[in-house]
């Protein structure tokens, strides 16, 4: 096994939180007087920080409105993401296999760390995690490498020993900026061709294929 650490994005990489995210968007838009968003439009915001997703759909860039949307969103989804989020097929098997091989496993995501840990705890996977970095724990969101670099430092591994896996070009850019290997996972809305613009070691159609590629 080449890697001593395997780090993952969460949304559309390991799990699907679309149901609760869409609930939060609909609630926030209703409270703020915006038309109900289309589900597919919301899906394409997943992976971005919440405020940027709001701006992508509404065109509103004022910080006051962006902060207001986050507040309404959090009011609606508080506790709901852990309840409604589903893991993708192969996620649990992959994480457990990596852990069994002695590979340090962790998540670096734009999702709030408290929400992430609630989800992992529900699936009895939190104890496998050597590190969890959420969006509220960094000053600069992905593709800035702050979160990924923080995780690597906490794990005490060299960058050449790290694989980062994600579903968006934001994740690919994060890995590139941090100087670590990247594998795309095609569970989300980003097609394989978009990753050709970035360095990568693999493009996995799903997590089961990624596990096979890693030979674990």
Protein backbone atom coordinates (compact mmCIF):
# COMPACT_ATOMS: atom_id res chain seq x y z
CA UNK A 1 0.00 0.00 0.00
CA UNK A 2 1.63 3.23 -1.20
CA UNK A 3 -0.36 5.57 1.04
CA UNK A 4 -0.13 5.99 4.78
CA UNK A 5 -3.13 8.34 4.84
CA UNK A 6 -6.33 8.50 2.78
CA UNK A 7 -8.35 11.69 3.16
CA UNK A 8 -11.79 12.27 1.70
CA UNK A 9 -14.22 15.03 0.90
CA UNK A 10 -17.66 14.07 2.22
CA UNK A 11 -20.61 15.37 0.18
CA UNK A 12 -20.98 13.37 -3.07
CA UNK A 13 -17.74 11.55 -2.24
CA UNK A 14 -18.63 9.39 0.77
CA UNK A 15 -22.23 10.41 1.35
CA UNK A 16 -25.34 12.01 -0.13
CA UNK A 17 -26.93 14.74 2.00
CA UNK A 18 -29.04 16.13 -0.87
CA UNK A 19 -32.37 15.65 0.93
CA UNK A 20 -31.49 17.81 3.93
CA UNK A 21 -29.51 20.35 1.89
CA UNK A 22 -32.46 20.85 -0.44
CA UNK A 23 -34.77 21.26 2.57
CA UNK A 24 -32.45 23.95 3.91
CA UNK A 25 -32.30 25.82 0.62
CA UNK A 26 -36.08 25.76 0.17
CA UNK A 27 -36.64 26.99 3.71
CA UNK A 28 -34.05 29.75 3.44
CA UNK A 29 -35.34 30.93 0.07
CA UNK A 30 -38.92 30.99 1.33
CA UNK A 31 -37.96 33.01 4.40
CA UNK A 32 -36.03 35.49 2.26
CA UNK A 33 -38.67 35.84 -0.45
CA UNK A 34 -36.85 34.03 -3.26
CA UNK A 35 -38.56 31.53 -5.59
CA UNK A 36 -38.19 27.88 -4.64
CA UNK A 37 -34.91 26.63 -6.13
CA UNK A 38 -34.69 23.73 -8.55
CA UNK A 39 -33.30 20.53 -7.07
CA UNK A 40 -30.68 20.20 -9.80
CA UNK A 41 -29.49 23.77 -9.20
CA UNK A 42 -29.00 22.97 -5.52
CA UNK A 43 -27.17 19.75 -6.35
CA UNK A 44 -24.63 21.72 -8.36
CA UNK A 45 -23.83 23.90 -5.32
CA UNK A 46 -22.78 20.91 -3.22
CA UNK A 47 -19.07 21.14 -2.51
CA UNK A 48 -19.07 24.92 -2.37
CA UNK A 49 -19.39 26.79 0.90
CA UNK A 50 -23.03 27.52 1.65
CA UNK A 51 -22.84 31.26 1.02
CA UNK A 52 -21.30 30.71 -2.40
CA UNK A 53 -24.04 28.23 -3.28
CA UNK A 54 -26.62 30.85 -2.36
CA UNK A 55 -24.88 33.38 -4.62
CA UNK A 56 -24.62 30.89 -7.48
CA UNK A 57 -28.39 30.43 -7.55
CA UNK A 58 -29.64 33.92 -6.66
CA UNK A 59 -26.88 36.16 -7.99
CA UNK A 60 -26.96 37.97 -4.63
CA UNK A 61 -23.42 38.73 -3.44
CA UNK A 62 -24.12 41.03 -0.48
CA UNK A 63 -22.59 39.66 2.69
CA UNK A 64 -25.62 40.49 4.83
CA UNK A 65 -27.89 38.40 2.59
CA UNK A 66 -25.37 35.59 2.46
CA UNK A 67 -25.13 35.48 6.25
CA UNK A 68 -28.91 35.62 6.57
CA UNK A 69 -29.27 32.63 4.27
CA UNK A 70 -26.82 30.59 6.32
CA UNK A 71 -28.78 31.37 9.47
CA UNK A 72 -32.09 30.23 7.96
CA UNK A 73 -30.46 27.16 6.42
CA UNK A 74 -28.91 26.10 9.72
CA UNK A 75 -32.20 26.62 11.54
CA UNK A 76 -33.90 24.16 9.20
CA UNK A 77 -31.25 21.48 8.87
CA UNK A 78 -29.94 21.42 12.44
CA UNK A 79 -29.92 17.73 13.27
CA UNK A 80 -31.56 16.75 9.99
CA UNK A 81 -28.40 15.97 8.04
CA UNK A 82 -27.38 13.15 10.35
CA UNK A 83 -30.89 11.73 10.05
CA UNK A 84 -31.27 12.00 6.27
CA UNK A 85 -27.74 11.55 4.87
CA UNK A 86 -27.05 8.27 3.12
CA UNK A 87 -23.62 6.77 2.55
CA UNK A 88 -22.77 5.77 -0.99
CA UNK A 89 -22.39 2.05 -1.74
CA UNK A 90 -18.94 0.87 -0.75
CA UNK A 91 -18.17 3.78 1.58
CA UNK A 92 -18.20 1.81 4.81
CA UNK A 93 -16.34 -1.12 3.27
CA UNK A 94 -13.64 1.19 1.86
CA UNK A 95 -13.10 3.06 5.13
CA UNK A 96 -12.97 -0.10 7.20
CA UNK A 97 -10.58 -1.79 4.77
CA UNK A 98 -8.22 1.19 4.81
CA UNK A 99 -8.29 1.29 8.60
CA UNK A 100 -7.63 -2.44 8.79
CA UNK A 101 -4.56 -1.95 6.59
CA UNK A 102 -3.19 0.60 9.05
CA UNK A 103 -3.91 3.54 6.74
CA UNK A 104 -4.88 6.73 8.57
CA UNK A 105 -8.34 7.80 7.43
CA UNK A 106 -9.90 11.24 7.64
CA UNK A 107 -12.28 13.76 6.10
CA UNK A 108 -11.59 17.30 4.91
CA UNK A 109 -14.86 18.96 3.92
CA UNK A 110 -16.66 22.27 3.61
CA UNK A 111 -19.46 20.79 5.73
CA UNK A 112 -19.51 21.77 9.40
CA UNK A 113 -17.38 19.39 11.44
CA UNK A 114 -20.11 18.95 14.04
CA UNK A 115 -22.57 17.84 11.35
CA UNK A 116 -19.98 15.56 9.76
CA UNK A 117 -19.21 13.87 13.07
CA UNK A 118 -22.91 13.36 13.79
CA UNK A 119 -23.27 11.58 10.44
CA UNK A 120 -20.19 9.42 10.97
CA UNK A 121 -21.31 8.60 14.51
CA UNK A 122 -24.71 7.47 13.21
CA UNK A 123 -22.99 5.00 10.89
CA UNK A 124 -20.52 3.93 13.61
CA UNK A 125 -17.58 5.21 11.57
CA UNK A 126 -16.39 8.09 13.72
CA UNK A 127 -13.98 5.91 15.67
CA UNK A 128 -12.18 5.06 12.41
CA UNK A 129 -11.34 8.70 11.76
CA UNK A 130 -7.83 9.88 12.58
CA UNK A 131 -8.82 13.45 11.68
CA UNK A 132 -11.95 15.41 10.70
CA UNK A 133 -11.66 18.95 9.36
CA UNK A 134 -14.84 20.95 8.73
CA UNK A 135 -15.48 24.24 7.03
CA UNK A 136 -15.79 26.22 10.26
CA UNK A 137 -12.31 25.11 11.31
CA UNK A 138 -10.42 26.98 8.57
CA UNK A 139 -10.03 30.62 7.57
CA UNK A 140 -9.91 29.85 3.85
CA UNK A 141 -12.22 27.36 2.10
CA UNK A 142 -11.20 24.83 -0.52
CA UNK A 143 -9.48 24.95 -2.98
CA UNK A 144 -7.21 26.73 -0.52
CA UNK A 145 -5.15 23.88 0.98
CA UNK A 146 -5.42 25.07 4.60
CA UNK A 147 -7.77 22.31 5.70
CA UNK A 148 -5.89 19.57 3.90
CA UNK A 149 -2.54 20.82 5.16
CA UNK A 150 -3.92 20.96 8.70
CA UNK A 151 -5.08 17.35 8.46
CA UNK A 152 -1.72 16.20 7.10
CA UNK A 153 0.13 17.98 9.90
CA UNK A 154 -2.14 16.40 12.52
CA UNK A 155 -1.54 12.94 11.05
CA UNK A 156 2.23 13.39 10.99
CA UNK A 157 2.69 11.97 7.49
CA UNK A 158 4.60 13.18 4.45
CA UNK A 159 2.65 14.65 1.55
CA UNK A 160 3.95 11.93 -0.76
CA UNK A 161 2.19 9.41 1.49
CA UNK A 162 -1.26 11.05 1.20
CA UNK A 163 -4.17 10.42 -1.16
CA UNK A 164 -7.05 12.91 -1.24
CA UNK A 165 -10.33 11.78 -2.81
CA UNK A 166 -13.17 14.06 -3.90
CA UNK A 167 -15.95 14.57 -6.41
CA UNK A 168 -15.38 18.13 -7.66
CA UNK A 169 -12.72 20.21 -9.34
CA UNK A 170 -12.61 22.15 -6.07
CA UNK A 171 -11.27 18.99 -4.44
CA UNK A 172 -8.85 18.43 -7.32
CA UNK A 173 -7.58 21.98 -6.94
CA UNK A 174 -7.21 21.52 -3.20
CA UNK A 175 -5.05 18.45 -3.68
CA UNK A 176 -2.99 20.24 -6.31
CA UNK A 177 -2.47 23.25 -4.06
CA UNK A 178 -1.46 21.02 -1.16
CA UNK A 179 0.89 18.95 -3.32
CA UNK A 180 -0.73 15.55 -2.71
CA UNK A 181 -2.06 12.79 -4.97
CA UNK A 182 -5.71 13.08 -5.99
CA UNK A 183 -8.34 10.56 -7.01
CA UNK A 184 -11.65 11.73 -8.38
CA UNK A 185 -14.82 9.89 -7.38
CA UNK A 186 -17.72 10.28 -9.81
CA UNK A 187 -20.57 10.18 -7.29
CA UNK A 188 -21.53 13.82 -7.81
CA UNK A 189 -22.36 16.21 -10.63
CA UNK A 190 -18.86 16.68 -12.08
CA UNK A 191 -18.11 14.61 -15.22
CA UNK A 192 -14.82 12.78 -15.60
CA UNK A 193 -13.56 15.10 -18.32
CA UNK A 194 -13.48 18.08 -15.97
CA UNK A 195 -10.70 16.46 -13.96
CA UNK A 196 -8.38 16.35 -16.98
CA UNK A 197 -7.39 19.95 -16.17
CA UNK A 198 -5.82 18.83 -12.88
CA UNK A 199 -3.17 16.32 -11.78
CA UNK A 200 -4.73 13.03 -10.70
CA UNK A 201 -3.68 9.45 -10.11
CA UNK A 202 -7.07 7.87 -10.71
CA UNK A 203 -10.68 8.56 -11.65
CA UNK A 204 -13.02 6.15 -9.87
CA UNK A 205 -16.58 5.67 -11.13
CA UNK A 206 -17.61 4.72 -7.59
CA UNK A 207 -16.17 3.80 -4.20
CA UNK A 208 -16.21 0.08 -4.84
CA UNK A 209 -13.96 0.58 -7.86
CA UNK A 210 -11.70 2.87 -5.82
CA UNK A 211 -11.31 0.11 -3.22
CA UNK A 212 -10.37 -2.31 -5.99
CA UNK A 213 -7.86 0.14 -7.49
CA UNK A 214 -6.24 0.55 -4.08
CA UNK A 215 -5.99 -3.27 -3.87
CA UNK A 216 -7.40 -3.51 -0.37
